[in-house]
Amino acid sequence: MLRLVSATLFGIFMASTVFATEKTYQVTGPILEVKDDAIVIDKKGEKWEVSKDAASVIKGDLKKGNKVTIKYKMIATEVDVKDEGTAKKK
């Protein structure tokens, strides 16, 4: 029984450690456009489009002109290695 409890607690600890290490970024600027699945803002003259979904926490009114700070994470969904020549040494 003690081993089962210890293993469970260890699993929970390891899972929380993995999720705590995800890096979060943020961008601030006025809203240019609000779409169903994205928010477009102006960051120093550049248009930034950040995706949103049902899990996104929205605090306040998303409307054109309002200044927002968006916190987001960058996660690779697919990686294609193009230059295999530098990895191979003859």
PDB file of N, CA and C in Angstrom:
ATOM      1  N   MET A   1       0.825  -1.193   0.000  1.00  0.00           N
ATOM      2  CA  MET A   1       0.000   0.000   0.000  1.00  0.00           C
ATOM      3  C   MET A   1       0.873   1.261   0.000  1.00  0.00           C
ATOM      4  N   LEU A   2       1.916   1.227   0.827  1.00  0.00           N
ATOM      5  CA  LEU A   2       2.816   2.376   0.912  1.00  0.00           C
ATOM      6  C   LEU A   2       3.506   2.620  -0.426  1.00  0.00           C
ATOM      7  N   ARG A   3       3.888   1.549  -1.121  1.00  0.00           N
ATOM      8  CA  ARG A   3       4.517   1.696  -2.434  1.00  0.00           C
ATOM      9  C   ARG A   3       3.562   2.328  -3.438  1.00  0.00           C
ATOM     10  N   LEU A   4       2.306   1.936  -3.400  1.00  0.00           N
ATOM     11  CA  LEU A   4       1.309   2.488  -4.313  1.00  0.00           C
ATOM     12  C   LEU A   4       1.121   3.982  -4.072  1.00  0.00           C
ATOM     13  N   VAL A   5       1.002   4.379  -2.819  1.00  0.00           N
ATOM     14  CA  VAL A   5       0.841   5.798  -2.476  1.00  0.00           C
ATOM     15  C   VAL A   5       2.087   6.584  -2.885  1.00  0.00           C
ATOM     16  N   SER A   6       3.267   6.015  -2.606  1.00  0.00           N
ATOM     17  CA  SER A   6       4.515   6.690  -2.979  1.00  0.00           C
ATOM     18  C   SER A   6       4.629   6.852  -4.489  1.00  0.00           C
ATOM     19  N   ALA A   7       4.283   5.812  -5.231  1.00  0.00           N
ATOM     20  CA  ALA A   7       4.349   5.880  -6.691  1.00  0.00           C
ATOM     21  C   ALA A   7       3.368   6.901  -7.239  1.00  0.00           C
ATOM     22  N   THR A   8       2.185   6.964  -6.671  1.00  0.00           N
ATOM     23  CA  THR A   8       1.179   7.935  -7.108  1.00  0.00           C
ATOM     24  C   THR A   8       1.654   9.361  -6.846  1.00  0.00           C
ATOM     25  N   LEU A   9       2.156   9.603  -5.655  1.00  0.00           N
ATOM     26  CA  LEU A   9       2.646  10.950  -5.322  1.00  0.00           C
ATOM     27  C   LEU A   9       3.826  11.338  -6.203  1.00  0.00           C
ATOM     28  N   PHE A  10       4.716  10.389  -6.469  1.00  0.00           N
ATOM     29  CA  PHE A  10       5.846  10.665  -7.351  1.00  0.00           C
ATOM     30  C   PHE A  10       5.360  11.014  -8.756  1.00  0.00           C
ATOM     31  N   GLY A  11       4.380  10.291  -9.265  1.00  0.00           N
ATOM     32  CA  GLY A  11       3.810  10.569 -10.587  1.00  0.00           C
ATOM     33  C   GLY A  11       3.193  11.950 -10.664  1.00  0.00           C
ATOM     34  N   ILE A  12       2.462  12.324  -9.641  1.00  0.00           N
ATOM     35  CA  ILE A  12       1.843  13.663  -9.604  1.00  0.00           C
ATOM     36  C   ILE A  12       2.921  14.737  -9.570  1.00  0.00           C
ATOM     37  N   PHE A  13       3.962  14.529  -8.776  1.00  0.00           N
ATOM     38  CA  PHE A  13       5.062  15.491  -8.693  1.00  0.00           C
ATOM     39  C   PHE A  13       5.747  15.655 -10.043  1.00  0.00           C
ATOM     40  N   MET A  14       6.033  14.548 -10.724  1.00  0.00           N
ATOM     41  CA  MET A  14       6.711  14.615 -12.017  1.00  0.00           C
ATOM     42  C   MET A  14       5.830  15.295 -13.066  1.00  0.00           C
ATOM     43  N   ALA A  15       4.551  15.002 -13.060  1.00  0.00           N
ATOM     44  CA  ALA A  15       3.643  15.639 -14.023  1.00  0.00           C
ATOM     45  C   ALA A  15       3.572  17.141 -13.785  1.00  0.00           C
ATOM     46  N   SER A  16       3.500  17.563 -12.533  1.00  0.00           N
ATOM     47  CA  SER A  16       3.429  19.000 -12.247  1.00  0.00           C
ATOM     48  C   SER A  16       4.734  19.694 -12.611  1.00  0.00           C
ATOM     49  N   THR A  17       5.862  19.016 -12.466  1.00  0.00           N
ATOM     50  CA  THR A  17       7.153  19.585 -12.842  1.00  0.00           C
ATOM     51  C   THR A  17       7.228  19.805 -14.342  1.00  0.00           C
ATOM     52  N   VAL A  18       6.741  18.865 -15.121  1.00  0.00           N
ATOM     53  CA  VAL A  18       6.756  18.990 -16.580  1.00  0.00           C
ATOM     54  C   VAL A  18       5.920  20.178 -17.017  1.00  0.00           C
ATOM     55  N   PHE A  19       4.720  20.323 -16.477  1.00  0.00           N
ATOM     56  CA  PHE A  19       3.849  21.416 -16.880  1.00  0.00           C
ATOM     57  C   PHE A  19       4.352  22.767 -16.383  1.00  0.00           C
ATOM     58  N   ALA A  20       5.045  22.798 -15.277  1.00  0.00           N
ATOM     59  CA  ALA A  20       5.550  24.061 -14.727  1.00  0.00           C
ATOM     60  C   ALA A  20       6.706  24.617 -15.543  1.00  0.00           C
ATOM     61  N   THR A  21       7.369  23.790 -16.340  1.00  0.00           N
ATOM     62  CA  THR A  21       8.533  24.256 -17.082  1.00  0.00           C
ATOM     63  C   THR A  21       8.183  24.835 -18.452  1.00  0.00           C
ATOM     64  N   GLU A  22       6.914  24.777 -18.873  1.00  0.00           N
ATOM     65  CA  GLU A  22       6.534  25.383 -20.147  1.00  0.00           C
ATOM     66  C   GLU A  22       6.744  26.884 -20.065  1.00  0.00           C
ATOM     67  N   LYS A  23       7.425  27.434 -21.042  1.00  0.00           N
ATOM     68  CA  LYS A  23       7.716  28.861 -21.052  1.00  0.00           C
ATOM     69  C   LYS A  23       6.519  29.635 -21.582  1.00  0.00           C
ATOM     70  N   THR A  24       6.192  30.717 -20.911  1.00  0.00           N
ATOM     71  CA  THR A  24       5.087  31.581 -21.305  1.00  0.00           C
ATOM     72  C   THR A  24       5.657  32.910 -21.795  1.00  0.00           C
ATOM     73  N   TYR A  25       5.098  33.432 -22.872  1.00  0.00           N
ATOM     74  CA  TYR A  25       5.499  34.713 -23.443  1.00  0.00           C
ATOM     75  C   TYR A  25       4.320  35.664 -23.354  1.00  0.00           C
ATOM     76  N   GLN A  26       4.567  36.950 -23.607  1.00  0.00           N
ATOM     77  CA  GLN A  26       3.454  37.895 -23.656  1.00  0.00           C
ATOM     78  C   GLN A  26       3.725  38.981 -24.683  1.00  0.00           C
ATOM     79  N   VAL A  27       2.640  39.536 -25.203  1.00  0.00           N
ATOM     80  CA  VAL A  27       2.708  40.628 -26.162  1.00  0.00           C
ATOM     81  C   VAL A  27       1.610  41.624 -25.789  1.00  0.00           C
ATOM     82  N   THR A  28       1.918  42.917 -25.922  1.00  0.00           N
ATOM     83  CA  THR A  28       0.976  43.966 -25.549  1.00  0.00           C
ATOM     84  C   THR A  28       0.792  44.933 -26.705  1.00  0.00           C
ATOM     85  N   GLY A  29      -0.444  45.387 -26.898  1.00  0.00           N
ATOM     86  CA  GLY A  29      -0.731  46.370 -27.930  1.00  0.00           C
ATOM     87  C   GLY A  29      -2.225  46.548 -28.118  1.00  0.00           C
ATOM     88  N   PRO A  30      -2.610  47.508 -28.953  1.00  0.00           N
ATOM     89  CA  PRO A  30      -4.032  47.720 -29.217  1.00  0.00           C
ATOM     90  C   PRO A  30      -4.581  46.644 -30.161  1.00  0.00           C
ATOM     91  N   ILE A  31      -5.838  46.291 -29.967  1.00  0.00           N
ATOM     92  CA  ILE A  31      -6.503  45.296 -30.803  1.00  0.00           C
ATOM     93  C   ILE A  31      -6.822  45.909 -32.161  1.00  0.00           C
ATOM     94  N   LEU A  32      -6.424  45.214 -33.232  1.00  0.00           N
ATOM     95  CA  LEU A  32      -6.763  45.622 -34.594  1.00  0.00           C
ATOM     96  C   LEU A  32      -8.008  44.893 -35.095  1.00  0.00           C
ATOM     97  N   GLU A  33      -8.136  43.616 -34.670  1.00  0.00           N
ATOM     98  CA  GLU A  33      -9.250  42.797 -35.149  1.00  0.00           C
ATOM     99  C   GLU A  33      -9.468  41.635 -34.185  1.00  0.00           C
ATOM    100  N   VAL A  34     -10.729  41.259 -34.001  1.00  0.00           N
ATOM    101  CA  VAL A  34     -11.072  40.092 -33.202  1.00  0.00           C
ATOM    102  C   VAL A  34     -11.790  39.106 -34.114  1.00  0.00           C
ATOM    103  N   LYS A  35     -11.240  37.896 -34.218  1.00  0.00           N
ATOM    104  CA  LYS A  35     -11.836  36.837 -35.023  1.00  0.00           C
ATOM    105  C   LYS A  35     -12.374  35.757 -34.074  1.00  0.00           C
ATOM    106  N   ASP A  36     -13.123  34.805 -34.609  1.00  0.00           N
ATOM    107  CA  ASP A  36     -13.626  33.708 -33.784  1.00  0.00           C
ATOM    108  C   ASP A  36     -12.498  32.901 -33.161  1.00  0.00           C
ATOM    109  N   ASP A  37     -11.391  32.746 -33.890  1.00  0.00           N
ATOM    110  CA  ASP A  37     -10.309  31.897 -33.429  1.00  0.00           C
ATOM    111  C   ASP A  37      -8.986  32.638 -33.211  1.00  0.00           C
ATOM    112  N   ALA A  38      -9.006  33.977 -33.242  1.00  0.00           N
ATOM    113  CA  ALA A  38      -7.745  34.724 -33.102  1.00  0.00           C
ATOM    114  C   ALA A  38      -7.992  36.172 -32.693  1.00  0.00           C
ATOM    115  N   ILE A  39      -6.931  36.781 -32.170  1.00  0.00           N
ATOM    116  CA  ILE A  39      -6.912  38.211 -31.850  1.00  0.00           C
ATOM    117  C   ILE A  39      -5.726  38.798 -32.598  1.00  0.00           C
ATOM    118  N   VAL A  40      -5.953  39.887 -33.336  1.00  0.00           N
ATOM    119  CA  VAL A  40      -4.877  40.559 -34.074  1.00  0.00           C
ATOM    120  C   VAL A  40      -4.586  41.864 -33.350  1.00  0.00           C
ATOM    121  N   ILE A  41      -3.303  42.057 -32.980  1.00  0.00           N
ATOM    122  CA  ILE A  41      -2.925  43.297 -32.305  1.00  0.00           C
ATOM    123  C   ILE A  41      -1.784  43.967 -33.055  1.00  0.00           C
ATOM    124  N   ASP A  42      -1.585  45.241 -32.736  1.00  0.00           N
ATOM    125  CA  ASP A  42      -0.499  46.029 -33.311  1.00  0.00           C
ATOM    126  C   ASP A  42       0.609  46.120 -32.269  1.00  0.00           C
ATOM    127  N   LYS A  43       1.741  45.498 -32.579  1.00  0.00           N
ATOM    128  CA  LYS A  43       2.896  45.580 -31.688  1.00  0.00           C
ATOM    129  C   LYS A  43       3.962  46.411 -32.383  1.00  0.00           C
ATOM    130  N   LYS A  44       4.023  47.673 -32.038  1.00  0.00           N
ATOM    131  CA  LYS A  44       5.017  48.602 -32.594  1.00  0.00           C
ATOM    132  C   LYS A  44       5.030  48.574 -34.111  1.00  0.00           C
ATOM    133  N   GLY A  45       3.855  48.657 -34.729  1.00  0.00           N
ATOM    134  CA  GLY A  45       3.751  48.700 -36.173  1.00  0.00           C
ATOM    135  C   GLY A  45       3.669  47.346 -36.851  1.00  0.00           C
ATOM    136  N   GLU A  46       3.835  46.265 -36.100  1.00  0.00           N
ATOM    137  CA  GLU A  46       3.742  44.909 -36.648  1.00  0.00           C
ATOM    138  C   GLU A  46       2.403  44.297 -36.254  1.00  0.00           C
ATOM    139  N   LYS A  47       1.770  43.593 -37.205  1.00  0.00           N
ATOM    140  CA  LYS A  47       0.536  42.876 -36.884  1.00  0.00           C
ATOM    141  C   LYS A  47       0.891  41.516 -36.305  1.00  0.00           C
ATOM    142  N   TRP A  48       0.389  41.240 -35.115  1.00  0.00           N
ATOM    143  CA  TRP A  48       0.574  39.948 -34.470  1.00  0.00           C
ATOM    144  C   TRP A  48      -0.787  39.279 -34.369  1.00  0.00           C
ATOM    145  N   GLU A  49      -0.892  38.049 -34.852  1.00  0.00           N
ATOM    146  CA  GLU A  49      -2.133  37.285 -34.744  1.00  0.00           C
ATOM    147  C   GLU A  49      -1.888  36.124 -33.784  1.00  0.00           C
ATOM    148  N   VAL A  50      -2.665  36.102 -32.702  1.00  0.00           N
ATOM    149  CA  VAL A  50      -2.529  35.065 -31.683  1.00  0.00           C
ATOM    150  C   VAL A  50      -3.826  34.260 -31.660  1.00  0.00           C
ATOM    151  N   SER A  51      -3.689  32.945 -31.797  1.00  0.00           N
ATOM    152  CA  SER A  51      -4.870  32.071 -31.796  1.00  0.00           C
ATOM    153  C   SER A  51      -5.519  32.032 -30.420  1.00  0.00           C
ATOM    154  N   LYS A  52      -6.835  31.796 -30.414  1.00  0.00           N
ATOM    155  CA  LYS A  52      -7.568  31.596 -29.163  1.00  0.00           C
ATOM    156  C   LYS A  52      -8.588  30.499 -29.393  1.00  0.00           C
ATOM    157  N   ASP A  53      -9.004  29.872 -28.283  1.00  0.00           N
ATOM    158  CA  ASP A  53     -10.020  28.829 -28.373  1.00  0.00           C
ATOM    159  C   ASP A  53     -10.918  28.907 -27.147  1.00  0.00           C
ATOM    160  N   ALA A  54     -11.742  27.905 -26.960  1.00  0.00           N
ATOM    161  CA  ALA A  54     -12.694  27.907 -25.846  1.00  0.00           C
ATOM    162  C   ALA A  54     -11.990  27.891 -24.489  1.00  0.00           C
ATOM    163  N   ALA A  55     -10.772  27.389 -24.435  1.00  0.00           N
ATOM    164  CA  ALA A  55     -10.031  27.335 -23.171  1.00  0.00           C
ATOM    165  C   ALA A  55      -9.328  28.659 -22.838  1.00  0.00           C
ATOM    166  N   SER A  56      -9.278  29.598 -23.781  1.00  0.00           N
ATOM    167  CA  SER A  56      -8.629  30.891 -23.543  1.00  0.00           C
ATOM    168  C   SER A  56      -9.420  31.682 -22.506  1.00  0.00           C
ATOM    169  N   VAL A  57      -8.712  32.222 -21.523  1.00  0.00           N
ATOM    170  CA  VAL A  57      -9.343  33.018 -20.474  1.00  0.00           C
ATOM    171  C   VAL A  57      -9.346  34.476 -20.927  1.00  0.00           C
ATOM    172  N   ILE A  58     -10.538  35.047 -21.113  1.00  0.00           N
ATOM    173  CA  ILE A  58     -10.684  36.438 -21.558  1.00  0.00           C
ATOM    174  C   ILE A  58     -11.191  37.262 -20.383  1.00  0.00           C
ATOM    175  N   LYS A  59     -10.420  38.257 -19.975  1.00  0.00           N
ATOM    176  CA  LYS A  59     -10.811  39.143 -18.877  1.00  0.00           C
ATOM    177  C   LYS A  59     -11.043  40.531 -19.454  1.00  0.00           C
ATOM    178  N   GLY A  60     -12.282  40.912 -19.637  1.00  0.00           N
ATOM    179  CA  GLY A  60     -12.604  42.215 -20.192  1.00  0.00           C
ATOM    180  C   GLY A  60     -13.237  42.094 -21.561  1.00  0.00           C
ATOM    181  N   ASP A  61     -13.402  43.246 -22.218  1.00  0.00           N
ATOM    182  CA  ASP A  61     -14.096  43.321 -23.497  1.00  0.00           C
ATOM    183  C   ASP A  61     -13.098  43.351 -24.648  1.00  0.00           C
ATOM    184  N   LEU A  62     -13.167  42.348 -25.503  1.00  0.00           N
ATOM    185  CA  LEU A  62     -12.293  42.303 -26.679  1.00  0.00           C
ATOM    186  C   LEU A  62     -12.946  43.102 -27.796  1.00  0.00           C
ATOM    187  N   LYS A  63     -12.488  44.327 -27.990  1.00  0.00           N
ATOM    188  CA  LYS A  63     -12.994  45.102 -29.113  1.00  0.00           C
ATOM    189  C   LYS A  63     -11.883  45.961 -29.683  1.00  0.00           C
ATOM    190  N   LYS A  64     -12.025  46.279 -30.952  1.00  0.00           N
ATOM    191  CA  LYS A  64     -11.021  47.036 -31.688  1.00  0.00           C
ATOM    192  C   LYS A  64     -10.636  48.309 -30.937  1.00  0.00           C
ATOM    193  N   GLY A  65      -9.321  48.537 -30.810  1.00  0.00           N
ATOM    194  CA  GLY A  65      -8.823  49.743 -30.152  1.00  0.00           C
ATOM    195  C   GLY A  65      -8.436  49.541 -28.698  1.00  0.00           C
ATOM    196  N   ASN A  66      -9.037  48.560 -28.022  1.00  0.00           N
ATOM    197  CA  ASN A  66      -8.679  48.302 -26.626  1.00  0.00           C
ATOM    198  C   ASN A  66      -7.258  47.761 -26.552  1.00  0.00           C
ATOM    199  N   LYS A  67      -6.504  48.215 -25.544  1.00  0.00           N
ATOM    200  CA  LYS A  67      -5.144  47.715 -25.346  1.00  0.00           C
ATOM    201  C   LYS A  67      -5.223  46.427 -24.534  1.00  0.00           C
ATOM    202  N   VAL A  68      -4.481  45.405 -24.991  1.00  0.00           N
ATOM    203  CA  VAL A  68      -4.495  44.111 -24.308  1.00  0.00           C
ATOM    204  C   VAL A  68      -3.068  43.608 -24.090  1.00  0.00           C
ATOM    205  N   THR A  69      -2.925  42.751 -23.123  1.00  0.00           N
ATOM    206  CA  THR A  69      -1.714  41.972 -22.936  1.00  0.00           C
ATOM    207  C   THR A  69      -2.126  40.517 -23.080  1.00  0.00           C
ATOM    208  N   ILE A  70      -1.510  39.829 -24.028  1.00  0.00           N
ATOM    209  CA  ILE A  70      -1.834  38.439 -24.304  1.00  0.00           C
ATOM    210  C   ILE A  70      -0.670  37.573 -23.850  1.00  0.00           C
ATOM    211  N   LYS A  71      -0.954  36.599 -23.008  1.00  0.00           N
ATOM    212  CA  LYS A  71       0.052  35.615 -22.603  1.00  0.00           C
ATOM    213  C   LYS A  71      -0.169  34.372 -23.461  1.00  0.00           C
ATOM    214  N   TYR A  72       0.925  33.836 -24.006  1.00  0.00           N
ATOM    215  CA  TYR A  72       0.808  32.688 -24.898  1.00  0.00           C
ATOM    216  C   TYR A  72       2.018  31.769 -24.741  1.00  0.00           C
ATOM    217  N   LYS A  73       1.895  30.561 -25.303  1.00  0.00           N
ATOM    218  CA  LYS A  73       2.975  29.579 -25.296  1.00  0.00           C
ATOM    219  C   LYS A  73       3.261  29.169 -26.724  1.00  0.00           C
ATOM    220  N   MET A  74       4.528  28.936 -27.029  1.00  0.00           N
ATOM    221  CA  MET A  74       4.919  28.433 -28.348  1.00  0.00           C
ATOM    222  C   MET A  74       5.267  26.957 -28.207  1.00  0.00           C
ATOM    223  N   ILE A  75       4.540  26.136 -28.928  1.00  0.00           N
ATOM    224  CA  ILE A  75       4.746  24.695 -28.868  1.00  0.00           C
ATOM    225  C   ILE A  75       4.852  24.162 -30.296  1.00  0.00           C
ATOM    226  N   ALA A  76       5.907  23.450 -30.594  1.00  0.00           N
ATOM    227  CA  ALA A  76       6.068  22.868 -31.923  1.00  0.00           C
ATOM    228  C   ALA A  76       5.029  21.773 -32.126  1.00  0.00           C
ATOM    229  N   THR A  77       4.354  21.809 -33.260  1.00  0.00           N
ATOM    230  CA  THR A  77       3.387  20.762 -33.588  1.00  0.00           C
ATOM    231  C   THR A  77       3.934  19.816 -34.644  1.00  0.00           C
ATOM    232  N   GLU A  78       4.927  20.274 -35.404  1.00  0.00           N
ATOM    233  CA  GLU A  78       5.564  19.442 -36.411  1.00  0.00           C
ATOM    234  C   GLU A  78       6.923  20.037 -36.733  1.00  0.00           C
ATOM    235  N   VAL A  79       7.928  19.194 -36.913  1.00  0.00           N
ATOM    236  CA  VAL A  79       9.271  19.657 -37.235  1.00  0.00           C
ATOM    237  C   VAL A  79       9.768  18.875 -38.450  1.00  0.00           C
ATOM    238  N   ASP A  80      10.126  19.589 -39.515  1.00  0.00           N
ATOM    239  CA  ASP A  80      10.705  18.984 -40.713  1.00  0.00           C
ATOM    240  C   ASP A  80      12.153  19.440 -40.830  1.00  0.00           C
ATOM    241  N   VAL A  81      13.081  18.514 -40.761  1.00  0.00           N
ATOM    242  CA  VAL A  81      14.500  18.830 -40.902  1.00  0.00           C
ATOM    243  C   VAL A  81      14.814  18.838 -42.389  1.00  0.00           C
ATOM    244  N   LYS A  82      15.319  19.960 -42.905  1.00  0.00           N
ATOM    245  CA  LYS A  82      15.568  20.130 -44.339  1.00  0.00           C
ATOM    246  C   LYS A  82      17.009  19.838 -44.727  1.00  0.00           C
ATOM    247  N   ASP A  83      17.971  20.181 -43.875  1.00  0.00           N
ATOM    248  CA  ASP A  83      19.377  20.055 -44.242  1.00  0.00           C
ATOM    249  C   ASP A  83      20.011  18.901 -43.481  1.00  0.00           C
ATOM    250  N   GLU A  84      19.968  17.724 -44.064  1.00  0.00           N
ATOM    251  CA  GLU A  84      20.565  16.567 -43.437  1.00  0.00           C
ATOM    252  C   GLU A  84      22.051  16.466 -43.751  1.00  0.00           C
ATOM    253  N   GLY A  85      22.544  17.239 -44.702  1.00  0.00           N
ATOM    254  CA  GLY A  85      23.956  17.196 -45.097  1.00  0.00           C
ATOM    255  C   GLY A  85      24.902  17.596 -43.988  1.00  0.00           C
ATOM    256  N   THR A  86      24.533  18.558 -43.159  1.00  0.00           N
ATOM    257  CA  THR A  86      25.434  18.993 -42.089  1.00  0.00           C
ATOM    258  C   THR A  86      25.471  17.994 -40.954  1.00  0.00           C
ATOM    259  N   ALA A  87      24.446  17.169 -40.819  1.00  0.00           N
ATOM    260  CA  ALA A  87      24.419  16.177 -39.744  1.00  0.00           C
ATOM    261  C   ALA A  87      25.266  14.957 -40.081  1.00  0.00           C
ATOM    262  N   LYS A  88      25.427  14.683 -41.365  1.00  0.00           N
ATOM    263  CA  LYS A  88      26.198  13.506 -41.785  1.00  0.00           C
ATOM    264  C   LYS A  88      27.647  13.916 -42.068  1.00  0.00           C
ATOM    265  N   LYS A  89      28.569  13.315 -41.391  1.00  0.00           N
ATOM    266  CA  LYS A  89      29.991  13.554 -41.621  1.00  0.00           C
ATOM    267  C   LYS A  89      30.594  12.274 -42.159  1.00  0.00           C
ATOM    268  N   LYS A  90      31.253  12.356 -43.335  1.00  0.00           N
ATOM    269  CA  LYS A  90      31.855  11.164 -43.946  1.00  0.00           C
ATOM    270  C   LYS A  90      33.280  10.997 -43.523  1.00  0.00           C
TER     271      LYS A  90
END
